[in-house]
């Protein structure tokens, strides 16, 4: 009984002395490291472009999101897959994607990948543009 009480007291004290780590583990999280490695060898876009813009479009999701769902019509081909790419300030600007290398959305699309909108995780708080951090001191 005495050991049990000492163990509980030790755990209680350790919770106050250990540094706090965010639940998503910041840039050092295992999923973030894996995503970074995979993103180095894969493009952020697929084969289709977003019809209103004529180029692939980015759908920015929270930086803690790691998975996406791709839906298919007809025979069940719905998949859940990782989101590898994360938004960075090193944007090459317009003209970086060569026109004509992407397909338009089909008249009768059968998969969400064919809409030309692709998930990219947003930046972590420290790397966010200043306008996104206006509510912080």
Protein backbone atom coordinates (compact mmCIF):
# COMPACT_ATOMS: atom_id res chain seq x y z
CA UNK A 1 0.00 0.00 0.00
CA UNK A 2 2.85 2.35 0.87
CA UNK A 3 4.45 1.75 -2.56
CA UNK A 4 1.17 2.46 -4.30
CA UNK A 5 0.75 5.79 -2.50
CA UNK A 6 4.37 6.76 -3.27
CA UNK A 7 3.83 5.85 -6.91
CA UNK A 8 0.72 8.04 -7.11
CA UNK A 9 2.52 10.96 -5.44
CA UNK A 10 5.46 10.52 -7.84
CA UNK A 11 3.17 10.52 -10.87
CA UNK A 12 1.34 13.59 -9.62
CA UNK A 13 4.61 15.48 -9.14
CA UNK A 14 5.93 14.33 -12.52
CA UNK A 15 2.90 15.74 -14.31
CA UNK A 16 3.71 19.20 -12.96
CA UNK A 17 7.46 19.09 -13.70
CA UNK A 18 7.42 17.58 -17.17
CA UNK A 19 7.23 20.09 -20.03
CA UNK A 20 3.87 20.38 -21.72
CA UNK A 21 3.74 19.02 -25.27
CA UNK A 22 0.84 19.84 -27.55
CA UNK A 23 -1.42 16.96 -28.52
CA UNK A 24 -0.31 17.14 -32.16
CA UNK A 25 3.41 17.13 -31.18
CA UNK A 26 4.24 20.06 -33.45
CA UNK A 27 6.64 19.68 -36.32
CA UNK A 28 8.33 16.77 -34.60
CA UNK A 29 5.33 14.45 -34.77
CA UNK A 30 5.87 11.10 -36.46
CA UNK A 31 3.04 11.62 -38.94
CA UNK A 32 4.47 15.03 -39.90
CA UNK A 33 7.92 13.56 -40.52
CA UNK A 34 6.49 10.76 -42.68
CA UNK A 35 4.34 13.21 -44.61
CA UNK A 36 7.34 15.45 -45.26
CA UNK A 37 9.38 12.54 -46.62
CA UNK A 38 6.60 11.38 -48.93
CA UNK A 39 5.83 14.94 -50.07
CA UNK A 40 9.39 15.35 -51.33
CA UNK A 41 8.79 12.71 -54.02
CA UNK A 42 5.15 13.36 -54.95
CA UNK A 43 3.34 16.34 -56.50
CA UNK A 44 0.65 18.04 -54.44
CA UNK A 45 -1.88 17.75 -57.27
CA UNK A 46 -3.47 14.96 -59.27
CA UNK A 47 -4.33 14.56 -62.96
CA UNK A 48 -7.29 16.98 -63.08
CA UNK A 49 -7.68 20.75 -62.89
CA UNK A 50 -10.37 22.76 -61.13
CA UNK A 51 -12.62 23.84 -64.00
CA UNK A 52 -13.41 27.45 -62.88
CA UNK A 53 -9.68 28.27 -62.51
CA UNK A 54 -8.11 26.11 -65.20
CA UNK A 55 -5.45 24.82 -62.78
CA UNK A 56 -5.48 22.44 -59.80
CA UNK A 57 -6.83 24.09 -56.64
CA UNK A 58 -5.70 23.70 -53.05
CA UNK A 59 -8.16 23.06 -50.24
CA UNK A 60 -6.30 24.08 -47.07
CA UNK A 61 -7.16 21.90 -44.07
CA UNK A 62 -5.95 22.29 -40.45
CA UNK A 63 -2.30 21.31 -39.87
CA UNK A 64 -3.39 18.57 -37.49
CA UNK A 65 -5.35 16.77 -40.24
CA UNK A 66 -3.49 13.74 -41.52
CA UNK A 67 -6.07 11.75 -43.49
CA UNK A 68 -8.55 12.48 -46.28
CA UNK A 69 -11.46 10.55 -47.75
CA UNK A 70 -11.87 10.19 -51.51
CA UNK A 71 -15.39 9.22 -52.57
CA UNK A 72 -16.43 7.26 -55.63
CA UNK A 73 -19.82 6.72 -57.22
CA UNK A 74 -21.06 3.33 -58.35
CA UNK A 75 -18.92 0.41 -57.26
CA UNK A 76 -17.51 1.16 -53.83
CA UNK A 77 -14.02 2.55 -54.28
CA UNK A 78 -14.04 4.98 -51.37
CA UNK A 79 -10.56 5.31 -49.89
CA UNK A 80 -9.00 6.95 -46.86
CA UNK A 81 -5.45 8.11 -47.50
CA UNK A 82 -2.83 10.36 -45.90
CA UNK A 83 -2.44 14.07 -46.62
CA UNK A 84 1.26 14.40 -47.33
CA UNK A 85 1.73 18.02 -48.36
CA UNK A 86 1.77 21.03 -46.07
CA UNK A 87 1.44 24.67 -47.10
CA UNK A 88 4.70 26.64 -47.13
CA UNK A 89 5.54 30.23 -48.03
CA UNK A 90 7.77 29.12 -50.93
CA UNK A 91 5.02 29.45 -53.52
CA UNK A 92 6.42 29.64 -57.07
CA UNK A 93 3.50 31.87 -58.10
CA UNK A 94 1.32 31.71 -61.20
CA UNK A 95 2.72 29.99 -64.24
CA UNK A 96 4.49 27.24 -62.31
CA UNK A 97 2.10 24.62 -63.69
CA UNK A 98 2.32 24.02 -67.42
CA UNK A 99 -1.06 24.44 -69.18
CA UNK A 100 -2.33 21.36 -70.96
CA UNK A 101 -0.84 18.80 -68.61
CA UNK A 102 -4.11 18.34 -66.69
CA UNK A 103 -7.46 16.87 -67.66
CA UNK A 104 -10.76 18.75 -67.27
CA UNK A 105 -13.49 17.49 -64.97
CA UNK A 106 -15.49 14.88 -66.91
CA UNK A 107 -19.11 15.65 -67.80
CA UNK A 108 -20.14 12.76 -65.54
CA UNK A 109 -17.47 12.57 -62.80
CA UNK A 110 -17.23 9.27 -60.97
CA UNK A 111 -14.72 10.17 -58.25
CA UNK A 112 -13.95 13.21 -56.08
CA UNK A 113 -10.37 13.24 -57.42
CA UNK A 114 -11.77 14.34 -60.80
CA UNK A 115 -12.86 17.77 -59.49
CA UNK A 116 -9.28 19.09 -59.36
CA UNK A 117 -9.36 20.20 -55.71
CA UNK A 118 -6.58 18.70 -53.58
CA UNK A 119 -6.01 18.72 -49.81
CA UNK A 120 -2.95 20.46 -48.38
CA UNK A 121 -2.41 20.87 -44.64
CA UNK A 122 -2.22 24.46 -43.42
CA UNK A 123 0.89 25.94 -41.83
CA UNK A 124 1.71 25.56 -38.16
CA UNK A 125 1.05 28.67 -36.06
CA UNK A 126 4.68 29.88 -36.00
CA UNK A 127 4.97 29.83 -39.80
CA UNK A 128 1.55 31.28 -40.60
CA UNK A 129 1.48 34.57 -42.51
CA UNK A 130 1.05 37.62 -40.27
CA UNK A 131 -2.50 38.26 -41.48
CA UNK A 132 -3.58 34.85 -40.17
CA UNK A 133 -2.22 35.63 -36.70
CA UNK A 134 -3.97 38.97 -36.18
CA UNK A 135 -5.83 37.74 -33.09
CA UNK A 136 -2.64 36.76 -31.27
CA UNK A 137 -0.51 39.23 -29.27
